[in-house]
Amino acid sequence: MDTRLEVGPSVDETAERPLAVESIGERLAGLRLRGREAVTSMRRSLEQHGLLSPVAVFQTDDGVELIDGFKRLGAARALGWKEVRARSLEVDAVGAKLAIALLHEGVALSEMEEAWLVRSLYREDGLSQPAIGAHLGRHKSWVSRRLLLAEALDEAVQTDVRLGLLSPRAATELALLPRGNQRAAAQVVIRTGMTTRQTATLVGELLVRSSGAERALVIQDRLEHPAQRAAPHPARRARTAAEWILADVAIVRRAAGRLQGRLLGHPLDAFGPRVAEVTGHALRDLVPVLEALGRTIETSAGTGGVP
């Protein structure tokens, strides 16, 4: 039995309800990446289809805080919406953070997001590293590595990641450097458009230098004489719109069959009340998405002359 969410008060299923956008706090937003492009894409989706899945929230002494749906809420704010549909999970602050990890097991969090989550549980909530590993279903060495990443990486570099200026994978490479060199090296990566592989090469070159002064000289040289970009690969023929549709159909068909088999083989109540509640929330959110897709398919097939 999975006990990773056995934290805080018992869970009672709460129905969806409308919540004022301005009443929803985003205290946990610092644990997630939310790039401008992702919010823009979500805004277009809300304009076209509305809010297909409710956001997930939990109740605190100070009000309601968001657990899942940061891009949806950000897009709703940008559109000037007054309300969004929300579903409450009866968890405390620790349970809410664990729910973030559980809700994104299928679409994994980045290493930086995992690191922020572990650091928050360790520093803010006082959980031991073995306890965090037990709750997240991870080995204690994984927890130690993620904690080291969050605490070894300069906060300015982490801000670059949050702003979308630096990829999480590049930041993970930069965390291997002494803190005194990380910000300058990050600027090299950002200004010269280095790939993750090029970033790893730069880090390797810096680590073999014996002093901070030598590393600073290398960084300055890379800024003044950036490495040539790799030659582009021969262009492949772009897929047609029909080919993309057929590829997506195949992906959805495989995922649907896989999900159905797992649901038939693993009843939710076998996971324990907390995991069952969070998993049930994710599954219920999928229903309106599939219904909207079905309506779009019917419309497209009808207008496209498909028998």
Foldseek 3Di string as FASTA:
>chain_A
DQCLLVAADFWDWFDKDKDFLVQEAAPVVLLAADEPVLLVVLLVVCVVPNQLAAWEWEADPVGIYGLGCPSVSSSCVVVVHGITIYTYTHGDPLSSLLLNCLLCVVPHGFLLSVLVSLLCCCPVVPDDLVSNCSSNVHDSVSSVLSPLLNVQQDVVVVVCCSHVLDPSLLSSLLSVDHNVCSVLLSCLCRVLVDDSVVSNVLSVVLVVDDDPVVSVVSSVVCNVPPDDDDDDDPDDDDDDPVVVVVVVVVVVVVVVVVVVVVCVVDPLVVNPRSSSSSVVSSVVSVVSVVVVVVVVVVVCCVVVVND
